[in-house]
Structures are given as structure tokens and as C-alpha cells.
């Protein structure tokens, strides 16, 4: 361990991006369904032996106002990973190791100690003065393979630049 847990693509059109990943043998995870947040939504795709692919976009229209996703896609396109999540056994230990190597984190760990899912993002790499990619550390327990909407939304907001 660690292993890659999932990779995230941001886009303006989840359905269009999904067609490409389906062509690579990934399938929509119907057990999770579409994940909806305040200003954005996502779908998860899986292929045996590969990390999950999480594809997200802002809602079209007023509901998507304020989402970080459109600005990110406009700046960087939808053919790059926004983040790669590393599955770790103990998130505090992994944070300490990376901090000792000079890696900074944005915000706090999302999820309580002992819960099924805990996550944190590094501070974003900047490209042309805009937030670009981040690394996620993720700790999972009890076989939980899903994503929790309040946590995912809080995690995303942790990378909003001042």
C-alpha cells in the first residue's frame, strides 16, 4: 500500500466524457448512481483491475453557479485528471510523511476518525496562476467503496483559491 483508489476527470459534459471511458471497458457504477451536490454532480465508472474513474461537472444553469468545475475545465480542458486519490492505511501518518517532504495540504481531513471514509487534498498545483491538479489521500474502512456527498463537496471547496 498505497494504491490508486480513483482518478477524477472534470468536464462540461459527463455523458460525452463517459462515452470515451466506456469505450475503454469501464462501466457506470449503478450501485452508486449519479451523485448530486449543491452546484455539481458526478458519475463513477469502474473496470476490474483499474482505479475507479470519477467524472464530474457543474449543473447547467443557475444551480451550477458558483461551482469550481467550469472555470477549471475552461482553464485546463477535460482531458487531464483533476486529481488522483491514493488509498492509505492511516491518513494522519501519510500526511506526516508528505509534510516532512514539503507537501502542503488544503483544509482539514474530511471525515471522522473511525468512519468508513476519510479524505484530504493537497494544496493545488498552480498553472498560469490558476488551481490545477491536486493529490488526494483517502482512507477507507469496512469495505466501503462509495463517495459521500457532503464529504466530496467539502473536499472540493477546500481547493478554492482566495
C-alpha atoms as a PDB file:
ATOM      1  CA  UNK A   1       0.000   0.000   0.000  1.00  0.00           C
ATOM      2  CA  UNK A   2      -0.651   2.846  -1.054  1.00  0.00           C
ATOM      3  CA  UNK A   3      -2.677   2.094  -4.163  1.00  0.00           C
ATOM      4  CA  UNK A   4      -4.535   4.363  -6.546  1.00  0.00           C
ATOM      5  CA  UNK A   5      -8.145   4.438  -5.342  1.00  0.00           C
ATOM      6  CA  UNK A   6      -9.662   6.628  -8.055  1.00  0.00           C
ATOM      7  CA  UNK A   7      -8.914   9.333 -10.617  1.00  0.00           C
ATOM      8  CA  UNK A   8     -11.142  12.314 -11.310  1.00  0.00           C
ATOM      9  CA  UNK A   9     -11.912  13.998 -14.612  1.00  0.00           C
ATOM     10  CA  UNK A  10     -13.697  17.346 -14.737  1.00  0.00           C
ATOM     11  CA  UNK A  11     -15.812  18.221 -17.746  1.00  0.00           C
ATOM     12  CA  UNK A  12     -18.652  20.364 -19.049  1.00  0.00           C
ATOM     13  CA  UNK A  13     -20.479  17.194 -20.202  1.00  0.00           C
ATOM     14  CA  UNK A  14     -20.309  13.980 -18.150  1.00  0.00           C
ATOM     15  CA  UNK A  15     -22.253  11.995 -20.746  1.00  0.00           C
ATOM     16  CA  UNK A  16     -19.824  12.901 -23.544  1.00  0.00           C
ATOM     17  CA  UNK A  17     -16.741  12.041 -21.446  1.00  0.00           C
ATOM     18  CA  UNK A  18     -18.434   8.842 -20.261  1.00  0.00           C
ATOM     19  CA  UNK A  19     -18.709   7.551 -23.832  1.00  0.00           C
ATOM     20  CA  UNK A  20     -14.925   7.576 -24.131  1.00  0.00           C
ATOM     21  CA  UNK A  21     -14.287   5.755 -20.839  1.00  0.00           C
ATOM     22  CA  UNK A  22     -16.996   3.202 -21.657  1.00  0.00           C
ATOM     23  CA  UNK A  23     -15.069   2.572 -24.885  1.00  0.00           C
ATOM     24  CA  UNK A  24     -12.077   1.611 -22.722  1.00  0.00           C
ATOM     25  CA  UNK A  25     -14.140  -1.031 -20.930  1.00  0.00           C
ATOM     26  CA  UNK A  26     -15.316   0.964 -17.913  1.00  0.00           C
ATOM     27  CA  UNK A  27     -18.955   0.670 -16.822  1.00  0.00           C
ATOM     28  CA  UNK A  28     -21.190   3.072 -14.936  1.00  0.00           C
ATOM     29  CA  UNK A  29     -21.420   2.055 -11.269  1.00  0.00           C
ATOM     30  CA  UNK A  30     -25.196   1.691 -10.931  1.00  0.00           C
ATOM     31  CA  UNK A  31     -24.874   0.783  -7.248  1.00  0.00           C
ATOM     32  CA  UNK A  32     -23.768   4.366  -6.590  1.00  0.00           C
ATOM     33  CA  UNK A  33     -25.823   6.085  -9.287  1.00  0.00           C
ATOM     34  CA  UNK A  34     -25.402   9.764 -10.062  1.00  0.00           C
ATOM     35  CA  UNK A  35     -24.013  11.717  -7.115  1.00  0.00           C
ATOM     36  CA  UNK A  36     -25.588  15.149  -6.669  1.00  0.00           C
ATOM     37  CA  UNK A  37     -24.157  18.063  -4.731  1.00  0.00           C
ATOM     38  CA  UNK A  38     -25.251  21.694  -4.375  1.00  0.00           C
ATOM     39  CA  UNK A  39     -23.695  23.026  -7.590  1.00  0.00           C
ATOM     40  CA  UNK A  40     -22.274  19.938  -9.296  1.00  0.00           C
ATOM     41  CA  UNK A  41     -22.845  16.252  -9.962  1.00  0.00           C
ATOM     42  CA  UNK A  42     -20.794  13.183 -10.854  1.00  0.00           C
ATOM     43  CA  UNK A  43     -20.849   9.592 -12.003  1.00  0.00           C
ATOM     44  CA  UNK A  44     -18.435   6.810 -11.111  1.00  0.00           C
ATOM     45  CA  UNK A  45     -17.168   4.281 -13.656  1.00  0.00           C
ATOM     46  CA  UNK A  46     -15.362   1.042 -12.847  1.00  0.00           C
ATOM     47  CA  UNK A  47     -13.338  -1.605 -14.656  1.00  0.00           C
ATOM     48  CA  UNK A  48     -11.991  -4.678 -12.843  1.00  0.00           C
ATOM     49  CA  UNK A  49      -8.317  -4.270 -12.000  1.00  0.00           C
ATOM     50  CA  UNK A  50      -8.320  -0.486 -12.506  1.00  0.00           C
ATOM     51  CA  UNK A  51      -8.915   2.503 -10.230  1.00  0.00           C
ATOM     52  CA  UNK A  52     -12.424   3.949 -10.372  1.00  0.00           C
ATOM     53  CA  UNK A  53     -12.979   6.959 -12.637  1.00  0.00           C
ATOM     54  CA  UNK A  54     -14.994   9.793 -11.108  1.00  0.00           C
ATOM     55  CA  UNK A  55     -16.321  12.227 -13.749  1.00  0.00           C
ATOM     56  CA  UNK A  56     -17.864  15.482 -12.535  1.00  0.00           C
ATOM     57  CA  UNK A  57     -19.461  18.613 -13.964  1.00  0.00           C
ATOM     58  CA  UNK A  58     -21.352  21.664 -12.747  1.00  0.00           C
ATOM     59  CA  UNK A  59     -25.110  21.686 -13.113  1.00  0.00           C
ATOM     60  CA  UNK A  60     -26.192  23.605 -16.203  1.00  0.00           C
ATOM     61  CA  UNK A  61     -27.931  26.899 -15.468  1.00  0.00           C
ATOM     62  CA  UNK A  62     -28.455  28.665 -12.172  1.00  0.00           C
ATOM     63  CA  UNK A  63     -27.881  25.643  -9.964  1.00  0.00           C
ATOM     64  CA  UNK A  64     -24.293  25.342 -11.229  1.00  0.00           C
ATOM     65  CA  UNK A  65     -23.452  28.945 -10.376  1.00  0.00           C
ATOM     66  CA  UNK A  66     -20.511  29.060  -8.012  1.00  0.00           C
ATOM     67  CA  UNK A  67     -19.132  25.629  -8.921  1.00  0.00           C
ATOM     68  CA  UNK A  68     -15.351  25.435  -9.297  1.00  0.00           C
ATOM     69  CA  UNK A  69     -15.644  22.980 -12.179  1.00  0.00           C
ATOM     70  CA  UNK A  70     -16.452  25.231 -15.201  1.00  0.00           C
ATOM     71  CA  UNK A  71     -13.524  27.562 -14.513  1.00  0.00           C
ATOM     72  CA  UNK A  72     -11.181  24.606 -14.102  1.00  0.00           C
ATOM     73  CA  UNK A  73     -12.338  22.999 -17.362  1.00  0.00           C
ATOM     74  CA  UNK A  74     -12.140  26.337 -19.210  1.00  0.00           C
ATOM     75  CA  UNK A  75      -8.549  26.798 -17.999  1.00  0.00           C
ATOM     76  CA  UNK A  76      -7.243  23.243 -18.339  1.00  0.00           C
ATOM     77  CA  UNK A  77      -9.627  21.277 -20.574  1.00  0.00           C
ATOM     78  CA  UNK A  78     -11.328  17.970 -19.804  1.00  0.00           C
ATOM     79  CA  UNK A  79      -8.580  15.600 -20.969  1.00  0.00           C
ATOM     80  CA  UNK A  80      -6.494  15.738 -17.776  1.00  0.00           C
ATOM     81  CA  UNK A  81      -7.020  14.391 -14.309  1.00  0.00           C
ATOM     82  CA  UNK A  82      -8.029  16.937 -11.721  1.00  0.00           C
ATOM     83  CA  UNK A  83      -6.745  14.569  -9.068  1.00  0.00           C
ATOM     84  CA  UNK A  84      -5.523  11.089  -8.320  1.00  0.00           C
ATOM     85  CA  UNK A  85      -6.530   9.594  -4.969  1.00  0.00           C
ATOM     86  CA  UNK A  86      -4.052   7.389  -3.126  1.00  0.00           C
ATOM     87  CA  UNK A  87      -5.563   4.797  -0.802  1.00  0.00           C
ATOM     88  CA  UNK A  88      -3.670   4.857   2.502  1.00  0.00           C
ATOM     89  CA  UNK A  89      -3.995   2.785   5.668  1.00  0.00           C
ATOM     90  CA  UNK A  90      -3.770   5.690   8.129  1.00  0.00           C
ATOM     91  CA  UNK A  91      -4.306   9.180   6.747  1.00  0.00           C
ATOM     92  CA  UNK A  92      -2.553  11.084   9.555  1.00  0.00           C
ATOM     93  CA  UNK A  93       0.621   9.044   9.046  1.00  0.00           C
ATOM     94  CA  UNK A  94       0.552   9.625   5.278  1.00  0.00           C
ATOM     95  CA  UNK A  95       0.024  13.366   5.804  1.00  0.00           C
ATOM     96  CA  UNK A  96       3.003  13.489   8.160  1.00  0.00           C
ATOM     97  CA  UNK A  97       5.277  11.697   5.691  1.00  0.00           C
ATOM     98  CA  UNK A  98       4.310  14.053   2.868  1.00  0.00           C
ATOM     99  CA  UNK A  99       4.500  17.186   5.035  1.00  0.00           C
ATOM    100  CA  UNK A 100       8.041  16.173   6.017  1.00  0.00           C
ATOM    101  CA  UNK A 101       8.827  16.227   2.285  1.00  0.00           C
ATOM    102  CA  UNK A 102       7.383  19.743   1.913  1.00  0.00           C
ATOM    103  CA  UNK A 103       3.898  18.860   0.646  1.00  0.00           C
ATOM    104  CA  UNK A 104       1.184  21.232   1.904  1.00  0.00           C
ATOM    105  CA  UNK A 105      -2.477  20.332   2.370  1.00  0.00           C
ATOM    106  CA  UNK A 106      -5.606  22.424   1.826  1.00  0.00           C
ATOM    107  CA  UNK A 107      -8.063  22.341   4.671  1.00  0.00           C
ATOM    108  CA  UNK A 108      -8.511  19.557   7.181  1.00  0.00           C
ATOM    109  CA  UNK A 109      -9.253  15.853   6.902  1.00  0.00           C
ATOM    110  CA  UNK A 110     -12.859  15.375   5.795  1.00  0.00           C
ATOM    111  CA  UNK A 111     -14.481  12.508   7.706  1.00  0.00           C
ATOM    112  CA  UNK A 112     -14.183  11.494  11.336  1.00  0.00           C
ATOM    113  CA  UNK A 113     -11.615   9.081  12.730  1.00  0.00           C
ATOM    114  CA  UNK A 114     -13.138   5.580  12.697  1.00  0.00           C
ATOM    115  CA  UNK A 115     -15.628   6.390   9.910  1.00  0.00           C
ATOM    116  CA  UNK A 116     -15.824   4.444   6.647  1.00  0.00           C
ATOM    117  CA  UNK A 117     -14.290   7.245   4.551  1.00  0.00           C
ATOM    118  CA  UNK A 118     -11.710   9.953   5.291  1.00  0.00           C
ATOM    119  CA  UNK A 119     -10.117  12.245   2.700  1.00  0.00           C
ATOM    120  CA  UNK A 120      -7.853  15.260   2.238  1.00  0.00           C
ATOM    121  CA  UNK A 121      -6.479  17.178  -0.765  1.00  0.00           C
ATOM    122  CA  UNK A 122      -3.026  18.662  -1.109  1.00  0.00           C
ATOM    123  CA  UNK A 123      -2.862  22.347  -1.931  1.00  0.00           C
ATOM    124  CA  UNK A 124      -3.391  22.680  -5.667  1.00  0.00           C
ATOM    125  CA  UNK A 125      -0.525  22.903  -8.085  1.00  0.00           C
ATOM    126  CA  UNK A 126      -0.830  26.253  -9.849  1.00  0.00           C
ATOM    127  CA  UNK A 127      -0.701  26.598 -13.618  1.00  0.00           C
ATOM    128  CA  UNK A 128      -0.830  30.101 -15.070  1.00  0.00           C
ATOM    129  CA  UNK A 129      -1.930  31.341 -11.640  1.00  0.00           C
ATOM    130  CA  UNK A 130      -4.942  29.010 -11.503  1.00  0.00           C
ATOM    131  CA  UNK A 131      -5.560  25.910  -9.378  1.00  0.00           C
ATOM    132  CA  UNK A 132      -4.630  22.846 -11.429  1.00  0.00           C
ATOM    133  CA  UNK A 133      -4.036  19.364 -10.059  1.00  0.00           C
ATOM    134  CA  UNK A 134      -4.123  18.020  -6.527  1.00  0.00           C
ATOM    135  CA  UNK A 135      -3.293  14.739  -4.853  1.00  0.00           C
ATOM    136  CA  UNK A 136      -5.924  13.165  -2.621  1.00  0.00           C
ATOM    137  CA  UNK A 137      -5.229  10.876   0.289  1.00  0.00           C
ATOM    138  CA  UNK A 138      -8.151   8.565   1.023  1.00  0.00           C
ATOM    139  CA  UNK A 139      -8.653   6.133   3.903  1.00  0.00           C
ATOM    140  CA  UNK A 140     -11.433   3.536   3.582  1.00  0.00           C
ATOM    141  CA  UNK A 141     -12.819   1.033   6.087  1.00  0.00           C
ATOM    142  CA  UNK A 142     -15.405  -1.767   6.261  1.00  0.00           C
ATOM    143  CA  UNK A 143     -15.293  -2.395   2.503  1.00  0.00           C
ATOM    144  CA  UNK A 144     -16.812   0.997   1.731  1.00  0.00           C
ATOM    145  CA  UNK A 145     -16.197   1.800  -1.963  1.00  0.00           C
ATOM    146  CA  UNK A 146     -18.567   4.750  -2.403  1.00  0.00           C
ATOM    147  CA  UNK A 147     -18.356   8.513  -2.095  1.00  0.00           C
ATOM    148  CA  UNK A 148     -20.221  10.611   0.467  1.00  0.00           C
ATOM    149  CA  UNK A 149     -21.779  13.783  -0.998  1.00  0.00           C
ATOM    150  CA  UNK A 150     -21.192  16.107   1.985  1.00  0.00           C
ATOM    151  CA  UNK A 151     -17.567  14.992   2.176  1.00  0.00           C
ATOM    152  CA  UNK A 152     -16.919  15.262  -1.564  1.00  0.00           C
ATOM    153  CA  UNK A 153     -18.372  18.771  -1.653  1.00  0.00           C
ATOM    154  CA  UNK A 154     -16.288  19.878   1.336  1.00  0.00           C
ATOM    155  CA  UNK A 155     -13.193  18.367  -0.210  1.00  0.00           C
ATOM    156  CA  UNK A 156     -13.780  20.214  -3.485  1.00  0.00           C
ATOM    157  CA  UNK A 157     -14.308  23.522  -1.702  1.00  0.00           C
ATOM    158  CA  UNK A 158     -11.021  23.078   0.175  1.00  0.00           C
ATOM    159  CA  UNK A 159      -9.164  23.871  -3.075  1.00  0.00           C
ATOM    160  CA  UNK A 160     -10.943  27.182  -3.765  1.00  0.00           C
ATOM    161  CA  UNK A 161      -8.270  29.865  -4.102  1.00  0.00           C
ATOM    162  CA  UNK A 162      -8.746  33.124  -2.175  1.00  0.00           C
END
